[in-house]
N, C-alpha and C. Protein backbone atom coordinates (compact mmCIF):
# COMPACT_ATOMS: atom_id res chain seq x y z
N UNK A 1 -105.38 127.20 -202.30
CA UNK A 1 -104.24 127.85 -201.61
C UNK A 1 -104.68 128.52 -200.12
N UNK A 2 -103.88 128.17 -199.20
CA UNK A 2 -104.09 128.81 -198.06
C UNK A 2 -103.58 130.29 -197.79
N UNK A 3 -104.23 130.98 -197.02
CA UNK A 3 -103.73 132.38 -196.87
C UNK A 3 -102.64 132.24 -195.98
N UNK A 4 -101.53 133.20 -196.13
CA UNK A 4 -100.40 133.16 -195.05
C UNK A 4 -100.90 133.89 -193.86
N UNK A 5 -100.49 133.50 -192.72
CA UNK A 5 -100.82 134.16 -191.54
C UNK A 5 -99.55 134.69 -190.89
N UNK A 6 -99.84 135.88 -190.29
CA UNK A 6 -98.67 136.62 -189.56
C UNK A 6 -98.31 135.99 -188.26
N UNK A 7 -97.13 136.33 -187.87
CA UNK A 7 -96.74 135.95 -186.49
C UNK A 7 -97.81 136.42 -185.33
N UNK A 8 -98.07 135.59 -184.44
CA UNK A 8 -98.91 135.93 -183.39
C UNK A 8 -98.43 135.61 -181.96
N UNK A 9 -99.09 136.30 -181.13
CA UNK A 9 -98.81 136.25 -179.64
C UNK A 9 -99.65 135.10 -179.07
N UNK A 10 -99.04 134.05 -178.48
CA UNK A 10 -99.93 132.99 -177.91
C UNK A 10 -101.17 133.49 -177.05
N UNK A 11 -102.27 132.98 -177.28
CA UNK A 11 -103.51 133.37 -176.67
C UNK A 11 -104.29 134.39 -177.41
N UNK A 12 -103.84 134.67 -178.56
CA UNK A 12 -104.52 135.58 -179.58
C UNK A 12 -104.86 134.90 -180.83
N UNK A 13 -105.95 135.45 -181.43
CA UNK A 13 -106.38 134.95 -182.79
C UNK A 13 -105.39 135.28 -183.75
N UNK A 14 -105.17 134.52 -184.79
CA UNK A 14 -104.18 134.82 -185.80
C UNK A 14 -104.72 135.84 -186.75
N UNK A 15 -103.67 136.75 -187.29
CA UNK A 15 -104.07 137.79 -188.15
C UNK A 15 -103.57 137.36 -189.54
N UNK A 16 -104.50 137.62 -190.65
CA UNK A 16 -104.32 137.22 -191.96
C UNK A 16 -103.51 138.42 -192.77
N UNK A 17 -102.45 138.26 -193.48
CA UNK A 17 -101.75 139.27 -194.23
C UNK A 17 -102.75 139.95 -195.10
N UNK A 18 -102.62 141.20 -195.29
CA UNK A 18 -103.59 141.98 -196.14
C UNK A 18 -103.53 141.52 -197.56
N UNK A 19 -102.42 140.92 -198.03
CA UNK A 19 -102.31 140.54 -199.54
C UNK A 19 -102.84 139.14 -199.68
N UNK A 20 -103.12 138.36 -198.68
CA UNK A 20 -103.70 137.00 -198.77
C UNK A 20 -105.10 137.08 -199.40
N UNK A 21 -105.38 136.24 -200.18
CA UNK A 21 -106.72 136.02 -200.88
C UNK A 21 -107.43 134.93 -200.16
N UNK A 22 -108.62 135.31 -199.53
CA UNK A 22 -109.44 134.35 -198.84
C UNK A 22 -110.79 134.63 -198.98
N UNK A 23 -111.72 133.58 -199.05
CA UNK A 23 -113.12 133.96 -199.15
C UNK A 23 -113.63 134.46 -197.83
N UNK A 24 -114.32 135.65 -197.79
CA UNK A 24 -114.68 136.37 -196.68
C UNK A 24 -115.78 135.61 -196.07
N UNK A 25 -116.65 134.73 -196.90
CA UNK A 25 -117.75 134.10 -196.28
C UNK A 25 -117.30 132.91 -195.54
N UNK A 26 -116.12 132.35 -195.67
CA UNK A 26 -115.49 131.24 -194.87
C UNK A 26 -114.76 131.64 -193.69
N UNK A 27 -115.39 131.67 -192.57
CA UNK A 27 -114.68 132.11 -191.30
C UNK A 27 -114.69 131.10 -190.21
N UNK A 28 -114.12 131.32 -189.15
CA UNK A 28 -114.17 130.42 -188.15
C UNK A 28 -114.83 131.04 -186.91
N UNK A 29 -115.72 130.05 -186.22
CA UNK A 29 -116.44 130.48 -185.01
C UNK A 29 -115.57 130.03 -183.92
N UNK A 30 -114.79 130.76 -183.38
CA UNK A 30 -113.92 130.36 -182.30
C UNK A 30 -114.76 130.07 -180.92
N UNK A 31 -116.00 130.68 -180.84
CA UNK A 31 -116.76 130.17 -179.68
C UNK A 31 -117.27 128.62 -179.88
N UNK A 32 -117.72 128.50 -181.25
CA UNK A 32 -118.31 127.00 -181.58
C UNK A 32 -117.03 126.02 -181.47
N UNK A 33 -115.83 126.40 -181.87
CA UNK A 33 -114.70 125.54 -181.75
C UNK A 33 -114.34 125.09 -180.21
N UNK A 34 -114.56 126.15 -179.34
CA UNK A 34 -114.31 126.04 -177.91
C UNK A 34 -115.33 125.11 -177.34
N UNK A 35 -116.64 125.51 -177.78
CA UNK A 35 -117.80 124.53 -177.26
C UNK A 35 -117.49 123.00 -177.62
N UNK A 36 -117.21 122.68 -178.79
CA UNK A 36 -116.96 121.53 -179.44
C UNK A 36 -115.72 120.82 -178.66
N UNK A 37 -114.72 121.47 -178.44
CA UNK A 37 -113.53 120.90 -177.63
C UNK A 37 -114.02 120.63 -176.30
N UNK A 38 -114.72 121.51 -175.63
CA UNK A 38 -115.09 121.24 -174.11
C UNK A 38 -116.05 120.20 -174.10
N UNK A 39 -116.93 119.83 -175.22
CA UNK A 39 -117.67 118.82 -175.11
C UNK A 39 -117.10 117.41 -175.41
N UNK A 40 -116.11 117.32 -176.27
CA UNK A 40 -115.60 116.13 -176.75
C UNK A 40 -114.06 115.97 -176.33
N UNK A 41 -113.62 116.66 -175.45
CA UNK A 41 -112.14 116.51 -175.09
C UNK A 41 -111.95 115.20 -174.49
N UNK A 42 -112.93 114.53 -173.93
CA UNK A 42 -112.58 113.30 -173.13
C UNK A 42 -113.53 112.24 -173.73
N UNK A 43 -114.59 112.31 -174.27
CA UNK A 43 -115.52 111.32 -174.86
C UNK A 43 -115.42 111.54 -176.43
N UNK A 44 -115.36 110.48 -177.13
CA UNK A 44 -115.26 110.58 -178.53
C UNK A 44 -116.53 110.84 -179.22
N UNK A 45 -116.51 111.60 -180.13
CA UNK A 45 -117.85 112.13 -180.93
C UNK A 45 -118.27 110.95 -181.75
N UNK A 46 -119.28 110.24 -181.38
CA UNK A 46 -119.80 108.97 -182.11
C UNK A 46 -120.32 109.41 -183.46
N UNK A 47 -120.43 110.63 -183.88
CA UNK A 47 -120.87 110.97 -185.33
C UNK A 47 -119.85 110.54 -186.26
N UNK A 48 -118.70 110.47 -185.80
CA UNK A 48 -117.56 110.21 -186.79
C UNK A 48 -116.97 108.64 -186.69
N UNK A 49 -116.62 108.07 -187.72
CA UNK A 49 -116.15 106.74 -187.72
C UNK A 49 -114.77 106.58 -186.97
N UNK A 50 -114.78 105.52 -186.22
CA UNK A 50 -113.58 105.23 -185.34
C UNK A 50 -112.49 104.53 -186.40
N UNK A 51 -111.34 104.76 -186.07
CA UNK A 51 -110.15 104.17 -186.79
C UNK A 51 -109.17 103.37 -185.94
N UNK A 52 -109.68 102.93 -184.69
CA UNK A 52 -108.81 102.29 -183.87
C UNK A 52 -108.19 100.97 -184.30
N UNK A 53 -108.74 100.20 -185.15
CA UNK A 53 -108.20 98.97 -185.66
C UNK A 53 -107.31 99.19 -186.92
N UNK A 54 -107.20 100.34 -187.36
CA UNK A 54 -106.41 100.73 -188.65
C UNK A 54 -105.44 101.65 -188.37
N UNK A 55 -104.80 101.85 -187.23
CA UNK A 55 -103.73 102.71 -187.02
C UNK A 55 -104.07 104.23 -186.53
N UNK A 56 -105.26 104.42 -186.42
CA UNK A 56 -105.75 105.81 -186.07
C UNK A 56 -106.21 105.85 -184.79
């Protein structure tokens, strides 16, 4: 089950409702996500399978 997120202002990180149950050990590293996006925004990450010929 996914935790519900509250409304947010564009450009800010989402807030999680206080009554939502989430595993505190499972978080997101926004800096790691940004680094990945910066690295692979134009060139495909060859570590993953390509699905070009099957509709992806």
